[in-house]
PDB file of N, CA and C in Angstrom:
ATOM      1  N   MET A   1      92.951 100.051 112.189  1.00  0.00           N
ATOM      2  CA  MET A   1      92.802  99.006 113.588  1.00  0.00           C
ATOM      3  C   MET A   1      91.664  98.496 113.659  1.00  0.00           C
ATOM      4  N   ILE A   2      92.039  96.835 113.819  1.00  0.00           N
ATOM      5  CA  ILE A   2      91.009  95.956 113.721  1.00  0.00           C
ATOM      6  C   ILE A   2      90.227  95.384 115.083  1.00  0.00           C
ATOM      7  N   THR A   3      88.968  95.989 115.251  1.00  0.00           N
ATOM      8  CA  THR A   3      87.917  95.987 116.030  1.00  0.00           C
ATOM      9  C   THR A   3      86.695  94.756 115.994  1.00  0.00           C
ATOM     10  N   ALA A   4      86.703  94.243 117.607  1.00  0.00           N
ATOM     11  CA  ALA A   4      85.581  93.725 116.871  1.00  0.00           C
ATOM     12  C   ALA A   4      84.291  93.635 115.850  1.00  0.00           C
ATOM     13  N   ASP A   5      83.849  95.132 116.358  1.00  0.00           N
ATOM     14  CA  ASP A   5      82.924  95.745 115.462  1.00  0.00           C
ATOM     15  C   ASP A   5      83.109  96.013 114.042  1.00  0.00           C
ATOM     16  N   THR A   6      84.489  95.927 113.743  1.00  0.00           N
ATOM     17  CA  THR A   6      84.927  95.697 112.009  1.00  0.00           C
ATOM     18  C   THR A   6      84.573  95.116 111.698  1.00  0.00           C
ATOM     19  N   ILE A   7      84.781  93.820 112.697  1.00  0.00           N
ATOM     20  CA  ILE A   7      85.279  92.463 112.190  1.00  0.00           C
ATOM     21  C   ILE A   7      83.813  91.896 112.196  1.00  0.00           C
ATOM     22  N   ARG A   8      82.705  92.417 112.615  1.00  0.00           N
ATOM     23  CA  ARG A   8      81.077  91.933 112.169  1.00  0.00           C
ATOM     24  C   ARG A   8      80.963  92.730 111.202  1.00  0.00           C
ATOM     25  N   ILE A   9      81.065  93.884 111.432  1.00  0.00           N
ATOM     26  CA  ILE A   9      80.127  94.444 110.264  1.00  0.00           C
ATOM     27  C   ILE A   9      80.876  93.822 108.965  1.00  0.00           C
ATOM     28  N   ARG A  10      81.964  93.948 108.856  1.00  0.00           N
ATOM     29  CA  ARG A  10      82.599  93.228 107.373  1.00  0.00           C
ATOM     30  C   ARG A  10      82.497  91.726 107.303  1.00  0.00           C
ATOM     31  N   TYR A  11      81.654  90.768 108.000  1.00  0.00           N
ATOM     32  CA  TYR A  11      81.202  89.187 107.546  1.00  0.00           C
ATOM     33  C   TYR A  11      80.098  89.422 108.120  1.00  0.00           C
ATOM     34  N   ALA A  12      78.971  90.482 108.247  1.00  0.00           N
ATOM     35  CA  ALA A  12      78.066  89.975 109.176  1.00  0.00           C
ATOM     36  C   ALA A  12      76.878  89.140 108.142  1.00  0.00           C
ATOM     37  N   ALA A  13      76.936  90.002 106.818  1.00  0.00           N
ATOM     38  CA  ALA A  13      75.717  89.342 105.947  1.00  0.00           C
ATOM     39  C   ALA A  13      76.133  88.064 105.659  1.00  0.00           C
ATOM     40  N   ASN A  14      77.329  87.512 105.168  1.00  0.00           N
ATOM     41  CA  ASN A  14      77.769  86.391 105.156  1.00  0.00           C
ATOM     42  C   ASN A  14      77.708  85.509 105.753  1.00  0.00           C
ATOM     43  N   ILE A  15      77.749  85.665 107.001  1.00  0.00           N
ATOM     44  CA  ILE A  15      77.644  84.784 108.057  1.00  0.00           C
ATOM     45  C   ILE A  15      76.206  84.358 108.715  1.00  0.00           C
ATOM     46  N   ALA A  16      75.328  85.823 108.162  1.00  0.00           N
ATOM     47  CA  ALA A  16      74.093  85.823 108.700  1.00  0.00           C
ATOM     48  C   ALA A  16      73.166  84.705 107.436  1.00  0.00           C
ATOM     49  N   PHE A  17      73.235  84.875 106.501  1.00  0.00           N
ATOM     50  CA  PHE A  17      72.961  83.628 105.405  1.00  0.00           C
ATOM     51  C   PHE A  17      73.632  82.227 105.722  1.00  0.00           C
ATOM     52  N   VAL A  18      74.434  82.628 105.896  1.00  0.00           N
ATOM     53  CA  VAL A  18      74.932  80.765 106.080  1.00  0.00           C
ATOM     54  C   VAL A  18      74.165  80.316 107.346  1.00  0.00           C
ATOM     55  N   ALA A  19      74.064  80.996 108.527  1.00  0.00           N
ATOM     56  CA  ALA A  19      72.818  80.565 109.966  1.00  0.00           C
ATOM     57  C   ALA A  19      72.295  80.635 109.571  1.00  0.00           C
ATOM     58  N   GLU A  20      71.459  81.246 108.567  1.00  0.00           N
ATOM     59  CA  GLU A  20      70.261  81.298 108.684  1.00  0.00           C
ATOM     60  C   GLU A  20      69.091  82.410 109.326  1.00  0.00           C
ATOM     61  N   GLU A  21      69.887  83.617 109.099  1.00  0.00           N
ATOM     62  CA  GLU A  21      69.330  84.689 110.456  1.00  0.00           C
ATOM     63  C   GLU A  21      69.506  86.081 109.497  1.00  0.00           C
ATOM     64  N   GLU A  22      69.167  87.015 110.225  1.00  0.00           N
ATOM     65  CA  GLU A  22      69.185  88.614 110.232  1.00  0.00           C
ATOM     66  C   GLU A  22      70.466  88.961 110.311  1.00  0.00           C
ATOM     67  N   PRO A  23      71.450  89.581 109.595  1.00  0.00           N
ATOM     68  CA  PRO A  23      72.442  90.232 109.944  1.00  0.00           C
ATOM     69  C   PRO A  23      72.972  90.269 111.843  1.00  0.00           C
ATOM     70  N   ALA A  24      73.751  90.335 112.908  1.00  0.00           N
ATOM     71  CA  ALA A  24      74.045  90.168 113.667  1.00  0.00           C
ATOM     72  C   ALA A  24      74.252  91.833 114.065  1.00  0.00           C
ATOM     73  N   THR A  25      73.732  92.585 114.724  1.00  0.00           N
ATOM     74  CA  THR A  25      73.895  93.910 115.404  1.00  0.00           C
ATOM     75  C   THR A  25      75.213  93.737 116.637  1.00  0.00           C
ATOM     76  N   THR A  26      75.436  92.910 117.099  1.00  0.00           N
ATOM     77  CA  THR A  26      76.049  93.102 118.442  1.00  0.00           C
ATOM     78  C   THR A  26      77.096  91.701 118.001  1.00  0.00           C
ATOM     79  N   VAL A  27      78.169  92.040 118.712  1.00  0.00           N
ATOM     80  CA  VAL A  27      79.450  91.653 118.635  1.00  0.00           C
ATOM     81  C   VAL A  27      79.314  89.456 119.343  1.00  0.00           C
ATOM     82  N   SER A  28      78.193  89.790 119.949  1.00  0.00           N
ATOM     83  CA  SER A  28      77.909  88.737 121.069  1.00  0.00           C
ATOM     84  C   SER A  28      76.578  88.000 120.155  1.00  0.00           C
ATOM     85  N   ASP A  29      75.982  88.625 119.704  1.00  0.00           N
ATOM     86  CA  ASP A  29      75.567  87.976 118.355  1.00  0.00           C
ATOM     87  C   ASP A  29      76.403  87.209 116.943  1.00  0.00           C
ATOM     88  N   PHE A  30      77.242  87.984 116.498  1.00  0.00           N
ATOM     89  CA  PHE A  30      77.869  87.829 115.748  1.00  0.00           C
ATOM     90  C   PHE A  30      78.269  86.718 115.947  1.00  0.00           C
ATOM     91  N   ILE A  31      79.034  86.749 116.935  1.00  0.00           N
ATOM     92  CA  ILE A  31      79.662  85.191 118.121  1.00  0.00           C
ATOM     93  C   ILE A  31      78.853  83.548 117.520  1.00  0.00           C
ATOM     94  N   ASP A  32      77.594  84.550 118.074  1.00  0.00           N
ATOM     95  CA  ASP A  32      76.359  83.013 118.410  1.00  0.00           C
ATOM     96  C   ASP A  32      76.262  82.423 116.805  1.00  0.00           C
ATOM     97  N   GLN A  33      76.080  83.785 115.627  1.00  0.00           N
ATOM     98  CA  GLN A  33      76.008  83.231 114.103  1.00  0.00           C
ATOM     99  C   GLN A  33      77.337  83.001 113.700  1.00  0.00           C
ATOM    100  N   LEU A  34      78.125  83.228 114.119  1.00  0.00           N
ATOM    101  CA  LEU A  34      79.763  82.490 113.784  1.00  0.00           C
ATOM    102  C   LEU A  34      79.428  80.895 113.931  1.00  0.00           C
ATOM    103  N   HIS A  35      78.755  81.011 114.856  1.00  0.00           N
ATOM    104  CA  HIS A  35      78.608  79.176 115.446  1.00  0.00           C
ATOM    105  C   HIS A  35      77.949  78.438 114.677  1.00  0.00           C
ATOM    106  N   THR A  36      76.786  79.202 114.333  1.00  0.00           N
ATOM    107  CA  THR A  36      76.099  78.221 113.284  1.00  0.00           C
ATOM    108  C   THR A  36      76.370  77.941 112.784  1.00  0.00           C
ATOM    109  N   ALA A  37      76.822  79.204 111.557  1.00  0.00           N
ATOM    110  CA  ALA A  37      77.774  79.294 110.404  1.00  0.00           C
ATOM    111  C   ALA A  37      78.250  78.142 110.290  1.00  0.00           C
ATOM    112  N   ALA A  38      79.103  77.966 111.114  1.00  0.00           N
ATOM    113  CA  ALA A  38      80.630  77.422 111.238  1.00  0.00           C
ATOM    114  C   ALA A  38      79.608  75.181 111.395  1.00  0.00           C
ATOM    115  N   GLU A  39      78.283  75.196 112.355  1.00  0.00           N
ATOM    116  CA  GLU A  39      77.606  74.100 112.371  1.00  0.00           C
ATOM    117  C   GLU A  39      77.352  73.915 110.510  1.00  0.00           C
ATOM    118  N   ASN A  40      76.424  74.881 109.985  1.00  0.00           N
ATOM    119  CA  ASN A  40      76.159  74.735 109.024  1.00  0.00           C
ATOM    120  C   ASN A  40      77.023  74.295 107.924  1.00  0.00           C
ATOM    121  N   PHE A  41      78.056  74.837 107.674  1.00  0.00           N
ATOM    122  CA  PHE A  41      79.012  74.741 106.778  1.00  0.00           C
ATOM    123  C   PHE A  41      79.945  73.563 106.980  1.00  0.00           C
ATOM    124  N   GLY A  42      79.989  73.355 108.392  1.00  0.00           N
ATOM    125  CA  GLY A  42      80.093  71.389 108.261  1.00  0.00           C
ATOM    126  C   GLY A  42      79.372  70.490 107.669  1.00  0.00           C
ATOM    127  N   MET A  43      77.803  70.754 108.014  1.00  0.00           N
ATOM    128  CA  MET A  43      77.207  69.990 107.453  1.00  0.00           C
ATOM    129  C   MET A  43      76.986  69.640 106.141  1.00  0.00           C
ATOM    130  N   ALA A  44      77.640  70.881 105.565  1.00  0.00           N
ATOM    131  CA  ALA A  44      77.542  70.867 103.902  1.00  0.00           C
ATOM    132  C   ALA A  44      79.254  70.330 103.916  1.00  0.00           C
ATOM    133  N   ARG A  45      79.934  69.730 104.688  1.00  0.00           N
ATOM    134  CA  ARG A  45      81.785  69.188 104.230  1.00  0.00           C
ATOM    135  C   ARG A  45      82.379  70.449 104.269  1.00  0.00           C
ATOM    136  N   PHE A  46      82.073  71.227 104.318  1.00  0.00           N
ATOM    137  CA  PHE A  46      83.060  72.904 104.436  1.00  0.00           C
ATOM    138  C   PHE A  46      84.068  72.485 105.548  1.00  0.00           C
ATOM    139  N   ASP A  47      85.518  72.560 105.785  1.00  0.00           N
ATOM    140  CA  ASP A  47      86.384  73.012 106.543  1.00  0.00           C
ATOM    141  C   ASP A  47      85.560  73.943 107.827  1.00  0.00           C
ATOM    142  N   THR A  48      85.938  73.510 108.716  1.00  0.00           N
ATOM    143  CA  THR A  48      85.393  74.364 109.561  1.00  0.00           C
ATOM    144  C   THR A  48      85.898  75.344 110.644  1.00  0.00           C
ATOM    145  N   ASP A  49      87.697  74.272 110.869  1.00  0.00           N
ATOM    146  CA  ASP A  49      88.476  74.780 111.750  1.00  0.00           C
ATOM    147  C   ASP A  49      88.553  76.447 111.770  1.00  0.00           C
ATOM    148  N   GLU A  50      89.083  76.923 110.696  1.00  0.00           N
ATOM    149  CA  GLU A  50      89.031  78.436 111.167  1.00  0.00           C
ATOM    150  C   GLU A  50      87.119  79.540 111.425  1.00  0.00           C
ATOM    151  N   LEU A  51      86.404  78.886 111.133  1.00  0.00           N
ATOM    152  CA  LEU A  51      85.299  79.521 111.729  1.00  0.00           C
ATOM    153  C   LEU A  51      85.775  79.085 112.893  1.00  0.00           C
ATOM    154  N   GLU A  52      85.714  78.437 113.797  1.00  0.00           N
ATOM    155  CA  GLU A  52      85.875  77.786 115.082  1.00  0.00           C
ATOM    156  C   GLU A  52      86.554  78.871 115.685  1.00  0.00           C
ATOM    157  N   ASN A  53      87.776  78.543 114.845  1.00  0.00           N
ATOM    158  CA  ASN A  53      89.117  79.123 115.470  1.00  0.00           C
ATOM    159  C   ASN A  53      88.328  80.907 115.627  1.00  0.00           C
ATOM    160  N   ALA A  54      88.307  81.636 114.825  1.00  0.00           N
ATOM    161  CA  ALA A  54      87.404  82.900 114.754  1.00  0.00           C
ATOM    162  C   ALA A  54      86.798  82.732 115.973  1.00  0.00           C
ATOM    163  N   VAL A  55      85.931  81.665 116.010  1.00  0.00           N
ATOM    164  CA  VAL A  55      84.612  81.894 117.335  1.00  0.00           C
ATOM    165  C   VAL A  55      85.503  81.879 118.491  1.00  0.00           C
ATOM    166  N   THR A  56      86.413  81.281 118.839  1.00  0.00           N
ATOM    167  CA  THR A  56      87.171  81.256 120.283  1.00  0.00           C
ATOM    168  C   THR A  56      87.948  82.430 120.552  1.00  0.00           C
ATOM    169  N   TYR A  57      88.768  83.155 119.134  1.00  0.00           N
ATOM    170  CA  TYR A  57      90.013  84.524 119.155  1.00  0.00           C
ATOM    171  C   TYR A  57      88.531  85.500 119.596  1.00  0.00           C
ATOM    172  N   LEU A  58      87.713  85.869 119.028  1.00  0.00           N
ATOM    173  CA  LEU A  58      86.752  86.749 119.045  1.00  0.00           C
ATOM    174  C   LEU A  58      86.037  86.729 120.545  1.00  0.00           C
ATOM    175  N   SER A  59      85.717  85.637 120.837  1.00  0.00           N
ATOM    176  CA  SER A  59      84.805  85.394 122.812  1.00  0.00           C
ATOM    177  C   SER A  59      86.260  85.914 123.436  1.00  0.00           C
ATOM    178  N   ASP A  60      87.152  85.096 123.292  1.00  0.00           N
ATOM    179  CA  ASP A  60      88.198  86.050 124.346  1.00  0.00           C
ATOM    180  C   ASP A  60      88.647  87.345 124.053  1.00  0.00           C
ATOM    181  N   ALA A  61      88.430  87.774 122.852  1.00  0.00           N
ATOM    182  CA  ALA A  61      89.048  89.081 122.696  1.00  0.00           C
ATOM    183  C   ALA A  61      88.093  90.059 123.737  1.00  0.00           C
ATOM    184  N   ALA A  62      87.046  89.442 123.621  1.00  0.00           N
ATOM    185  CA  ALA A  62      85.597  90.359 124.172  1.00  0.00           C
ATOM    186  C   ALA A  62      85.543  90.217 125.640  1.00  0.00           C
ATOM    187  N   SER A  63      86.119  89.070 125.665  1.00  0.00           N
ATOM    188  CA  SER A  63      86.326  89.063 127.196  1.00  0.00           C
ATOM    189  C   SER A  63      87.608  89.857 128.261  1.00  0.00           C
ATOM    190  N   SER A  64      88.457  89.520 127.346  1.00  0.00           N
ATOM    191  CA  SER A  64      90.080  90.550 127.409  1.00  0.00           C
ATOM    192  C   SER A  64      89.950  92.133 128.187  1.00  0.00           C
ATOM    193  N   THR A  65      90.618  91.989 128.952  1.00  0.00           N
ATOM    194  CA  THR A  65      91.040  93.580 129.913  1.00  0.00           C
ATOM    195  C   THR A  65      92.275  94.105 129.239  1.00  0.00           C
ATOM    196  N   ASP A  66      92.841  92.833 128.583  1.00  0.00           N
ATOM    197  CA  ASP A  66      94.312  93.660 128.350  1.00  0.00           C
ATOM    198  C   ASP A  66      93.976  93.947 126.812  1.00  0.00           C
ATOM    199  N   GLU A  67      94.453  95.404 126.683  1.00  0.00           N
ATOM    200  CA  GLU A  67      94.622  95.811 125.092  1.00  0.00           C
ATOM    201  C   GLU A  67      95.039  94.995 123.868  1.00  0.00           C
ATOM    202  N   THR A  68      96.686  95.160 124.524  1.00  0.00           N
ATOM    203  CA  THR A  68      97.814  94.222 123.685  1.00  0.00           C
ATOM    204  C   THR A  68      97.097  92.910 123.138  1.00  0.00           C
ATOM    205  N   GLU A  69      96.699  92.484 124.389  1.00  0.00           N
ATOM    206  CA  GLU A  69      96.054  90.847 123.972  1.00  0.00           C
ATOM    207  C   GLU A  69      94.494  90.800 123.040  1.00  0.00           C
ATOM    208  N   ARG A  70      94.178  91.948 123.520  1.00  0.00           N
ATOM    209  CA  ARG A  70      92.691  91.722 122.675  1.00  0.00           C
ATOM    210  C   ARG A  70      93.103  91.776 121.227  1.00  0.00           C
ATOM    211  N   ALA A  71      94.071  92.610 121.070  1.00  0.00           N
ATOM    212  CA  ALA A  71      94.524  93.572 119.363  1.00  0.00           C
ATOM    213  C   ALA A  71      95.343  91.998 118.608  1.00  0.00           C
ATOM    214  N   VAL A  72      96.093  91.252 119.249  1.00  0.00           N
ATOM    215  CA  VAL A  72      96.394  89.858 118.885  1.00  0.00           C
ATOM    216  C   VAL A  72      94.999  89.196 118.573  1.00  0.00           C
ATOM    217  N   LEU A  73      94.554  88.738 119.410  1.00  0.00           N
ATOM    218  CA  LEU A  73      93.193  87.753 119.438  1.00  0.00           C
ATOM    219  C   LEU A  73      92.494  88.487 118.150  1.00  0.00           C
ATOM    220  N   LEU A  74      91.858  89.553 118.171  1.00  0.00           N
ATOM    221  CA  LEU A  74      90.955  90.149 116.576  1.00  0.00           C
ATOM    222  C   LEU A  74      91.775  89.928 115.840  1.00  0.00           C
ATOM    223  N   LYS A  75      93.487  90.048 115.612  1.00  0.00           N
ATOM    224  CA  LYS A  75      94.054  89.742 114.520  1.00  0.00           C
ATOM    225  C   LYS A  75      93.744  88.764 114.029  1.00  0.00           C
ATOM    226  N   ARG A  76      94.269  87.626 115.006  1.00  0.00           N
ATOM    227  CA  ARG A  76      93.604  86.171 114.847  1.00  0.00           C
ATOM    228  C   ARG A  76      92.227  85.534 113.947  1.00  0.00           C
ATOM    229  N   ALA A  77      91.381  86.643 114.847  1.00  0.00           N
ATOM    230  CA  ALA A  77      90.086  86.185 114.329  1.00  0.00           C
ATOM    231  C   ALA A  77      89.781  86.489 112.892  1.00  0.00           C
ATOM    232  N   ALA A  78      90.318  87.943 112.395  1.00  0.00           N
ATOM    233  CA  ALA A  78      89.967  88.477 111.370  1.00  0.00           C
ATOM    234  C   ALA A  78      91.221  87.545 110.305  1.00  0.00           C
ATOM    235  N   GLU A  79      91.895  86.880 110.546  1.00  0.00           N
ATOM    236  CA  GLU A  79      92.803  85.965 109.971  1.00  0.00           C
ATOM    237  C   GLU A  79      92.033  84.813 109.333  1.00  0.00           C
ATOM    238  N   ASN A  80      91.499  84.009 110.373  1.00  0.00           N
ATOM    239  CA  ASN A  80      91.186  83.089 110.229  1.00  0.00           C
ATOM    240  C   ASN A  80      89.576  83.328 109.102  1.00  0.00           C
ATOM    241  N   LEU A  81      89.111  84.826 109.333  1.00  0.00           N
ATOM    242  CA  LEU A  81      87.694  84.829 108.675  1.00  0.00           C
ATOM    243  C   LEU A  81      87.484  85.278 107.331  1.00  0.00           C
ATOM    244  N   ALA A  82      88.814  85.463 106.781  1.00  0.00           N
ATOM    245  CA  ALA A  82      89.940  85.787 105.705  1.00  0.00           C
ATOM    246  C   ALA A  82      88.805  85.259 103.975  1.00  0.00           C
ATOM    247  N   TYR A  83      88.787  84.261 104.118  1.00  0.00           N
ATOM    248  CA  TYR A  83      88.040  82.932 103.189  1.00  0.00           C
ATOM    249  C   TYR A  83      86.564  83.000 103.629  1.00  0.00           C
ATOM    250  N   VAL A  84      86.012  83.737 104.313  1.00  0.00           N
ATOM    251  CA  VAL A  84      84.662  83.720 104.696  1.00  0.00           C
ATOM    252  C   VAL A  84      83.638  84.112 103.758  1.00  0.00           C
ATOM    253  N   ASP A  85      84.343  84.957 103.027  1.00  0.00           N
ATOM    254  CA  ASP A  85      83.465  85.260 101.843  1.00  0.00           C
ATOM    255  C   ASP A  85      83.439  84.366 100.561  1.00  0.00           C
ATOM    256  N   ASP A  86      84.168  83.670 100.346  1.00  0.00           N
ATOM    257  CA  ASP A  86      84.172  82.675  99.492  1.00  0.00           C
ATOM    258  C   ASP A  86      83.702  81.527  99.802  1.00  0.00           C
ATOM    259  N   LEU A  87      83.625  80.838 100.899  1.00  0.00           N
ATOM    260  CA  LEU A  87      83.012  79.778 101.483  1.00  0.00           C
ATOM    261  C   LEU A  87      81.502  80.017 101.534  1.00  0.00           C
ATOM    262  N   ALA A  88      81.364  81.349 101.545  1.00  0.00           N
ATOM    263  CA  ALA A  88      79.862  81.318 101.643  1.00  0.00           C
ATOM    264  C   ALA A  88      78.987  81.345 100.057  1.00  0.00           C
ATOM    265  N   ASP A  89      80.047  81.897  99.377  1.00  0.00           N
ATOM    266  CA  ASP A  89      79.967  82.415  98.364  1.00  0.00           C
ATOM    267  C   ASP A  89      79.551  80.738  97.790  1.00  0.00           C
ATOM    268  N   GLU A  90      80.328  79.652  97.790  1.00  0.00           N
ATOM    269  CA  GLU A  90      80.169  78.340  96.941  1.00  0.00           C
ATOM    270  C   GLU A  90      79.168  77.934  97.987  1.00  0.00           C
ATOM    271  N   TYR A  91      78.664  78.071  98.953  1.00  0.00           N
ATOM    272  CA  TYR A  91      77.433  77.603 100.136  1.00  0.00           C
ATOM    273  C   TYR A  91      76.184  78.167  99.231  1.00  0.00           C
ATOM    274  N   ARG A  92      75.968  79.297  99.123  1.00  0.00           N
ATOM    275  CA  ARG A  92      74.733  79.737  98.075  1.00  0.00           C
ATOM    276  C   ARG A  92      74.633  78.498  96.980  1.00  0.00           C
ATOM    277  N   LEU A  93      75.693  78.237  96.450  1.00  0.00           N
ATOM    278  CA  LEU A  93      76.131  77.732  94.740  1.00  0.00           C
ATOM    279  C   LEU A  93      75.049  75.710  95.478  1.00  0.00           C
ATOM    280  N   MET A  94      75.203  76.191  96.937  1.00  0.00           N
ATOM    281  CA  MET A  94      74.686  74.149  97.011  1.00  0.00           C
ATOM    282  C   MET A  94      73.700  74.581  97.948  1.00  0.00           C
ATOM    283  N   VAL A  95      72.842  75.529  98.336  1.00  0.00           N
ATOM    284  CA  VAL A  95      71.712  75.844  98.634  1.00  0.00           C
ATOM    285  C   VAL A  95      70.592  76.458  97.546  1.00  0.00           C
TER     286      VAL A  95
END
């Protein structure tokens, strides 16, 4: 089962590197770091559509009171983050 915390734990280190911060310890902080990472990726000329979508899906999931809706939103967020590790590796080579 996908949860916001499993997503955070899975991607926190790479997102924190790109956001130039320590890894997020809360989902709220992770969402903020995703937004910052998307901006930093964008400045490096990376396509950030999927990251921005992930921010929206995670934010909506965090505020959803419907379990089914939350599960769908979290699944979409995870799908949009599928290539973050590869992007972060490329970003590391540039900085």
